[in-house]
């Protein structure tokens, strides 16, 4: 990961992108893509489509969704507290005690999410698992009039964004899911462009994955690829309370995860594994019994069908403000996908 790629990752992790409000992070993607030999366009859904050698053959689409889970302001009460609904799948318990930002038209407004102090909770209240409908955002205003002069119904809310580097090449922050996927597909396209590929490579920062795999549907219809690789995060199982017998032996820092199963084209998988072996790049293998819960499920079914590979980044503590990944896993995933793209030829057959 060179300095430009590292800055790109940092910029992604500092840009808000709750589903439906992805424009700030898409601006970061467009800026990065303008720095290498690619054409860049944004469709009416908000997907950013970056094309390298668009007249080439075959056409491959690399998909990484840019949207993160967040909240949306539903009501502002007369005391100035903000009541919110979830955008995507939150565990409400991880929101308690968090610093948040409300993304208004005038810029971010700082706030907090908390609840009644433990001293004041009854015995029964202490046993109750909180629900988002009972949480509020406090932006430190005097009353509802002041709050309404700052915040508008429908403004998105995120936990405070950014990232922290940890020991052993690990990093933690909100929205690693799936800004690391966006980083991987865009970096792979950049590296592949440097290798004079025969294939037409379309790296797509897809929108609204967290609310129903929506952006990949519209962008895949436009790109019409024969081959696709989806990059998302997957659950690391190298921490307490997660059963590897159910979720696989997946560790941070041991390379990207290649999935095998009905959502994955076996020829694509075999070629990825072969390229990794030749380059002595570590990869981990996991199984998927059906359609994935990510963009691969829809990309495989686009138009007359797409030969899909699924490359995932191990992630501890998914859908929390402290998601953790290995920077080395990201770098190796981008390199493997770049090799795959540069290796494609017009005569390649991906019929299972």
Protein backbone atom coordinates (compact mmCIF):
# COMPACT_ATOMS: atom_id res chain seq x y z
CA UNK A 1 0.00 0.00 0.00
CA UNK A 2 1.72 3.15 -1.18
CA UNK A 3 1.20 6.64 0.20
CA UNK A 4 -1.55 7.58 -2.28
CA UNK A 5 -3.46 4.36 -1.60
CA UNK A 6 -3.11 4.87 2.12
CA UNK A 7 -4.46 8.42 1.86
CA UNK A 8 -7.36 7.11 -0.20
CA UNK A 9 -8.27 4.68 2.57
CA UNK A 10 -8.09 7.42 5.20
CA UNK A 11 -10.25 9.73 3.09
CA UNK A 12 -12.85 6.99 2.64
CA UNK A 13 -13.03 6.27 6.37
CA UNK A 14 -13.53 9.95 7.20
CA UNK A 15 -16.37 10.48 4.69
CA UNK A 16 -20.00 9.82 5.75
CA UNK A 17 -22.06 7.44 3.59
CA UNK A 18 -25.24 6.05 5.19
CA UNK A 19 -27.38 4.30 2.59
CA UNK A 20 -29.05 6.96 0.46
CA UNK A 21 -26.53 9.63 1.51
CA UNK A 22 -23.35 8.35 -0.16
CA UNK A 23 -22.30 11.46 -2.05
CA UNK A 24 -19.39 12.52 0.24
CA UNK A 25 -17.67 9.16 -0.02
CA UNK A 26 -18.38 8.97 -3.75
CA UNK A 27 -16.59 12.31 -4.14
CA UNK A 28 -13.54 10.65 -2.57
CA UNK A 29 -13.79 7.76 -5.05
CA UNK A 30 -14.04 10.09 -8.04
CA UNK A 31 -10.99 12.06 -6.89
CA UNK A 32 -8.90 8.89 -6.53
CA UNK A 33 -10.01 7.46 -9.88
CA UNK A 34 -9.12 10.70 -11.63
CA UNK A 35 -5.50 9.98 -10.72
CA UNK A 36 -5.08 6.98 -13.03
CA UNK A 37 -5.96 6.02 -16.60
CA UNK A 38 -9.71 5.55 -16.23
CA UNK A 39 -13.01 7.06 -17.25
CA UNK A 40 -15.36 7.94 -14.42
CA UNK A 41 -19.11 8.40 -14.41
CA UNK A 42 -21.87 8.45 -11.82
CA UNK A 43 -25.29 7.04 -12.67
CA UNK A 44 -28.62 8.42 -11.50
CA UNK A 45 -28.72 5.93 -8.62
CA UNK A 46 -25.40 7.23 -7.29
CA UNK A 47 -23.09 4.35 -8.27
CA UNK A 48 -19.63 5.53 -9.32
CA UNK A 49 -18.44 3.46 -12.30
CA UNK A 50 -14.72 3.60 -13.06
CA UNK A 51 -13.73 2.05 -16.40
CA UNK A 52 -10.25 0.92 -17.42
CA UNK A 53 -9.86 -0.09 -21.09
CA UNK A 54 -13.65 0.01 -21.68
CA UNK A 55 -13.34 -1.29 -25.26
CA UNK A 56 -11.53 -4.43 -24.09
CA UNK A 57 -12.77 -7.98 -23.71
CA UNK A 58 -14.06 -9.69 -21.65
CA UNK A 59 -15.94 -7.23 -19.43
CA UNK A 60 -15.35 -7.65 -15.70
CA UNK A 61 -17.11 -5.75 -12.96
CA UNK A 62 -15.48 -5.26 -9.56
CA UNK A 63 -18.09 -4.29 -6.97
CA UNK A 64 -17.55 -2.84 -3.51
CA UNK A 65 -20.43 -1.14 -1.73
CA UNK A 66 -19.68 2.27 -0.27
CA UNK A 67 -22.70 2.69 2.02
CA UNK A 68 -22.46 2.26 5.77
CA UNK A 69 -25.08 1.67 8.42
CA UNK A 70 -26.32 4.82 10.09
CA UNK A 71 -29.36 6.59 11.49
CA UNK A 72 -31.86 9.11 10.13
CA UNK A 73 -33.61 11.90 12.04
CA UNK A 74 -37.31 11.11 12.33
CA UNK A 75 -38.49 13.69 14.85
CA UNK A 76 -37.22 16.69 16.83
CA UNK A 77 -39.07 17.10 20.11
CA UNK A 78 -39.77 20.37 21.90
CA UNK A 79 -36.77 19.89 24.19
CA UNK A 80 -34.47 19.60 21.18
CA UNK A 81 -33.74 15.87 21.37
CA UNK A 82 -33.51 14.00 18.06
CA UNK A 83 -35.37 10.72 17.61
CA UNK A 84 -34.00 8.44 14.96
CA UNK A 85 -34.61 5.33 12.89
CA UNK A 86 -31.90 2.88 11.85
CA UNK A 87 -30.44 2.76 8.36
CA UNK A 88 -29.22 -0.82 8.13
CA UNK A 89 -28.64 -3.41 10.82
CA UNK A 90 -27.59 -2.00 14.19
CA UNK A 91 -27.21 -3.74 17.53
CA UNK A 92 -28.67 -0.93 19.68
CA UNK A 93 -26.41 -1.86 22.59
CA UNK A 94 -23.30 -0.68 20.72
CA UNK A 95 -24.85 2.76 20.18
CA UNK A 96 -25.16 3.58 23.86
CA UNK A 97 -22.47 6.00 24.95
CA UNK A 98 -21.39 6.83 21.40
CA UNK A 99 -20.39 10.22 20.06
CA UNK A 100 -22.24 10.89 16.81
CA UNK A 101 -22.44 13.42 14.01
CA UNK A 102 -25.60 14.71 12.36
CA UNK A 103 -24.83 15.52 8.72
CA UNK A 104 -26.80 18.69 7.99
CA UNK A 105 -26.74 20.84 4.86
CA UNK A 106 -24.52 23.30 6.75
CA UNK A 107 -22.07 20.62 7.90
CA UNK A 108 -21.73 18.10 10.73
CA UNK A 109 -23.32 18.75 14.12
CA UNK A 110 -21.82 16.89 17.06
CA UNK A 111 -23.98 14.96 19.48
CA UNK A 112 -24.14 11.93 21.76
CA UNK A 113 -26.36 8.92 22.30
CA UNK A 114 -26.83 7.84 25.90
CA UNK A 115 -29.61 6.96 28.33
CA UNK A 116 -30.58 7.34 31.96
CA UNK A 117 -27.54 6.75 34.22
CA UNK A 118 -27.22 3.33 35.80
CA UNK A 119 -27.79 4.87 39.25
CA UNK A 120 -31.33 5.77 38.22
CA UNK A 121 -32.26 2.56 36.44
CA UNK A 122 -34.67 0.27 38.24
CA UNK A 123 -33.82 -3.39 38.64
CA UNK A 124 -36.24 -4.24 35.83
CA UNK A 125 -34.89 -1.52 33.54
CA UNK A 126 -31.37 -2.91 33.90
CA UNK A 127 -32.57 -6.24 32.45
CA UNK A 128 -34.13 -4.72 29.34
CA UNK A 129 -32.18 -4.77 26.07
CA UNK A 130 -32.43 -1.25 24.59
CA UNK A 131 -34.25 -0.62 21.32
CA UNK A 132 -33.39 2.11 18.85
CA UNK A 133 -36.88 3.57 19.21
CA UNK A 134 -36.00 4.37 22.85
CA UNK A 135 -32.66 6.06 22.07
CA UNK A 136 -32.23 9.75 21.35
CA UNK A 137 -29.48 12.02 20.06
CA UNK A 138 -28.52 14.96 22.28
CA UNK A 139 -26.97 17.86 20.34
CA UNK A 140 -26.76 20.18 23.37
CA UNK A 141 -29.38 22.73 22.38
CA UNK A 142 -31.68 24.79 24.58
CA UNK A 143 -34.96 23.68 23.03
CA UNK A 144 -36.70 22.35 19.95
CA UNK A 145 -36.65 25.71 18.20
CA UNK A 146 -32.87 25.86 18.35
CA UNK A 147 -32.58 22.23 17.24
CA UNK A 148 -34.89 22.79 14.27
CA UNK A 149 -32.85 25.79 13.18
CA UNK A 150 -29.83 23.47 12.85
CA UNK A 151 -31.18 20.02 11.98
CA UNK A 152 -33.79 18.99 9.40
CA UNK A 153 -35.99 15.91 9.46
CA UNK A 154 -34.28 13.29 7.30
CA UNK A 155 -30.71 14.34 8.10
CA UNK A 156 -28.43 11.27 8.36
CA UNK A 157 -26.46 10.45 11.50
CA UNK A 158 -23.26 8.43 11.90
CA UNK A 159 -21.01 7.56 14.77
CA UNK A 160 -17.86 9.69 14.73
CA UNK A 161 -15.83 8.63 11.71
CA UNK A 162 -12.11 7.95 11.32
CA UNK A 163 -9.76 5.12 12.11
CA UNK A 164 -7.08 4.06 14.56
CA UNK A 165 -4.02 2.00 13.70
CA UNK A 166 -3.27 -0.80 16.14
CA UNK A 167 -0.51 -3.33 16.66
CA UNK A 168 0.45 -5.97 14.08
CA UNK A 169 -0.85 -4.03 11.08
CA UNK A 170 -4.46 -3.94 12.28
CA UNK A 171 -6.78 -0.94 12.11
CA UNK A 172 -10.12 -0.16 13.74
CA UNK A 173 -12.93 2.25 12.96
CA UNK A 174 -16.51 2.68 11.91
CA UNK A 175 -17.62 1.72 8.38
CA UNK A 176 -14.80 -0.67 7.52
CA UNK A 177 -17.91 -2.41 6.18
CA UNK A 178 -17.54 -1.75 3.40
CA UNK A 179 -15.23 1.14 2.63
CA UNK A 180 -12.39 -1.39 2.63
CA UNK A 181 -14.23 -3.10 -0.23
CA UNK A 182 -14.41 0.16 -2.17
CA UNK A 183 -10.72 0.71 -1.49
CA UNK A 184 -9.90 -2.79 -2.74
CA UNK A 185 -11.79 -2.66 -6.04
CA UNK A 186 -10.58 0.84 -6.92
CA UNK A 187 -6.99 0.04 -5.99
CA UNK A 188 -7.17 -3.22 -7.95
CA UNK A 189 -8.40 -1.31 -11.01
CA UNK A 190 -5.56 1.19 -10.67
CA UNK A 191 -2.94 -1.56 -10.37
CA UNK A 192 -4.47 -3.52 -13.26
CA UNK A 193 -4.43 -0.39 -15.44
CA UNK A 194 -0.66 -0.27 -15.03
CA UNK A 195 -0.38 -3.78 -16.55
CA UNK A 196 -1.91 -3.08 -19.98
CA UNK A 197 -4.93 -5.38 -19.57
CA UNK A 198 -6.89 -6.90 -22.46
CA UNK A 199 -10.08 -6.96 -20.41
CA UNK A 200 -12.50 -4.09 -19.91
CA UNK A 201 -12.39 -3.47 -16.17
CA UNK A 202 -15.28 -1.70 -14.45
CA UNK A 203 -14.68 -0.94 -10.77
CA UNK A 204 -17.97 0.13 -9.20
CA UNK A 205 -18.56 1.81 -5.86
CA UNK A 206 -22.11 0.55 -5.37
CA UNK A 207 -24.76 2.23 -3.23
CA UNK A 208 -27.48 1.02 -0.87
CA UNK A 209 -26.19 -2.51 -0.25
CA UNK A 210 -27.08 -2.27 3.43
CA UNK A 211 -30.78 -1.78 2.67
CA UNK A 212 -31.28 -4.48 0.05
CA UNK A 213 -28.38 -4.90 -2.42
CA UNK A 214 -29.83 -2.12 -4.57
CA UNK A 215 -26.95 -0.31 -6.26
CA UNK A 216 -25.35 -3.45 -7.66
CA UNK A 217 -28.57 -4.24 -9.52
CA UNK A 218 -28.68 -0.95 -11.40
CA UNK A 219 -24.94 -0.70 -12.07
CA UNK A 220 -24.65 -4.31 -13.29
CA UNK A 221 -27.48 -3.72 -15.74
CA UNK A 222 -25.52 -0.78 -17.13
CA UNK A 223 -22.10 -2.44 -17.23
CA UNK A 224 -23.41 -5.81 -18.50
CA UNK A 225 -20.35 -7.82 -17.35
CA UNK A 226 -19.52 -11.43 -18.19
CA UNK A 227 -17.37 -11.76 -15.05
CA UNK A 228 -17.73 -10.14 -11.65
CA UNK A 229 -15.80 -10.00 -8.41
CA UNK A 230 -17.51 -8.71 -5.30
CA UNK A 231 -15.41 -7.46 -2.39
CA UNK A 232 -17.04 -7.15 1.02
CA UNK A 233 -16.10 -7.87 4.60
CA UNK A 234 -16.71 -11.21 6.28
CA UNK A 235 -16.77 -12.27 9.90
CA UNK A 236 -13.39 -12.99 11.46
CA UNK A 237 -13.79 -15.88 13.89
CA UNK A 238 -10.50 -15.42 15.77
CA UNK A 239 -12.08 -13.77 18.82
CA UNK A 240 -14.10 -15.12 21.76
CA UNK A 241 -17.72 -16.36 21.46
CA UNK A 242 -17.76 -17.03 17.68
CA UNK A 243 -17.97 -20.69 16.69
CA UNK A 244 -15.61 -21.56 13.81
CA UNK A 245 -17.53 -24.80 13.27
CA UNK A 246 -20.45 -22.65 12.14
CA UNK A 247 -18.67 -19.70 10.53
CA UNK A 248 -15.30 -21.10 9.41
CA UNK A 249 -11.70 -20.61 10.55
CA UNK A 250 -11.12 -17.00 9.51
CA UNK A 251 -8.29 -14.93 10.98
CA UNK A 252 -7.13 -11.34 10.63
CA UNK A 253 -3.82 -10.99 8.81
CA UNK A 254 -3.94 -14.38 7.11
CA UNK A 255 -5.03 -13.07 3.73
CA UNK A 256 -8.33 -12.36 2.00
CA UNK A 257 -11.11 -14.95 2.09
CA UNK A 258 -12.19 -16.73 -1.09
CA UNK A 259 -15.68 -18.15 -0.91
CA UNK A 260 -16.80 -21.43 -2.41
CA UNK A 261 -20.43 -22.44 -3.00
CA UNK A 262 -23.44 -21.88 -5.28
CA UNK A 263 -23.05 -18.08 -5.33
CA UNK A 264 -19.54 -18.45 -6.78
CA UNK A 265 -18.44 -19.51 -10.26
CA UNK A 266 -15.97 -22.41 -9.78
CA UNK A 267 -13.78 -21.37 -12.72
CA UNK A 268 -13.35 -17.87 -11.28
CA UNK A 269 -12.54 -19.36 -7.87
CA UNK A 270 -10.01 -21.82 -9.30
CA UNK A 271 -8.23 -19.06 -11.20
CA UNK A 272 -8.06 -16.83 -8.11
CA UNK A 273 -6.63 -19.70 -6.06
CA UNK A 274 -4.11 -20.57 -8.77
CA UNK A 275 -2.92 -16.98 -9.10
CA UNK A 276 -2.55 -16.70 -5.32
CA UNK A 277 -0.56 -19.93 -5.19
CA UNK A 278 1.77 -18.87 -8.01
CA UNK A 279 2.39 -15.50 -6.36
CA UNK A 280 2.76 -17.13 -2.91
CA UNK A 281 -0.02 -14.91 -1.58
CA UNK A 282 -1.89 -16.21 1.47
CA UNK A 283 -5.65 -16.71 1.08
CA UNK A 284 -8.28 -18.29 3.29
CA UNK A 285 -11.10 -20.50 2.05
CA UNK A 286 -14.64 -20.45 3.38
CA UNK A 287 -17.93 -22.04 2.33
CA UNK A 288 -21.24 -20.43 1.45
CA UNK A 289 -24.27 -22.70 1.32
CA UNK A 290 -26.49 -20.36 -0.69
CA UNK A 291 -26.69 -16.82 -1.98
CA UNK A 292 -24.54 -14.39 -0.02
CA UNK A 293 -25.93 -11.54 2.02
CA UNK A 294 -23.93 -9.10 -0.11
CA UNK A 295 -23.74 -7.78 -3.66
CA UNK A 296 -22.65 -11.18 -5.02
CA UNK A 297 -26.22 -12.46 -4.68
CA UNK A 298 -27.56 -9.89 -7.15
CA UNK A 299 -24.53 -9.62 -9.41
CA UNK A 300 -24.67 -13.33 -10.21
CA UNK A 301 -28.24 -12.90 -11.49
CA UNK A 302 -27.71 -9.77 -13.58
CA UNK A 303 -29.10 -9.99 -17.10
CA UNK A 304 -28.29 -13.50 -18.42
CA UNK A 305 -25.98 -14.33 -15.51
CA UNK A 306 -22.48 -13.37 -14.42
CA UNK A 307 -19.52 -15.58 -13.48
CA UNK A 308 -18.98 -14.27 -9.96
CA UNK A 309 -16.12 -14.54 -7.51
CA UNK A 310 -16.42 -13.42 -3.88
CA UNK A 311 -13.31 -12.02 -2.19
CA UNK A 312 -13.80 -10.89 1.39
CA UNK A 313 -11.81 -9.00 4.02
CA UNK A 314 -11.88 -10.57 7.51
CA UNK A 315 -13.52 -8.16 9.94
CA UNK A 316 -13.90 -8.37 13.72
CA UNK A 317 -16.88 -6.65 15.40
CA UNK A 318 -18.87 -6.03 12.20
CA UNK A 319 -21.62 -3.37 12.32
CA UNK A 320 -20.09 -1.61 15.27
CA UNK A 321 -18.08 1.62 15.71
CA UNK A 322 -14.88 -0.41 16.24
CA UNK A 323 -14.73 -2.77 13.27
CA UNK A 324 -11.23 -4.22 12.93
CA UNK A 325 -9.34 -5.34 9.80
CA UNK A 326 -5.80 -6.09 8.71
CA UNK A 327 -4.26 -3.57 6.32
CA UNK A 328 -2.18 -6.38 4.85
CA UNK A 329 -5.35 -8.33 3.98
CA UNK A 330 -6.60 -5.30 2.05
CA UNK A 331 -3.36 -4.91 0.15
CA UNK A 332 -3.20 -8.59 -0.78
CA UNK A 333 -6.84 -8.63 -1.90
CA UNK A 334 -6.25 -5.67 -4.22
CA UNK A 335 -3.11 -7.26 -5.63
CA UNK A 336 -4.78 -10.62 -6.24
CA UNK A 337 -7.74 -9.01 -8.04
CA UNK A 338 -5.39 -6.84 -10.12
CA UNK A 339 -3.52 -9.98 -11.20
CA UNK A 340 -6.81 -11.68 -12.05
CA UNK A 341 -7.92 -8.74 -14.22
CA UNK A 342 -4.56 -8.43 -15.99
CA UNK A 343 -4.56 -12.18 -16.70
CA UNK A 344 -7.91 -12.21 -18.52
CA UNK A 345 -8.03 -12.85 -22.26
CA UNK A 346 -10.93 -12.54 -24.74
CA UNK A 347 -10.98 -16.30 -25.31
CA UNK A 348 -11.35 -17.23 -21.63
CA UNK A 349 -14.33 -19.47 -20.90
CA UNK A 350 -15.96 -19.34 -17.48
CA UNK A 351 -18.66 -21.88 -18.16
CA UNK A 352 -18.82 -24.13 -15.07
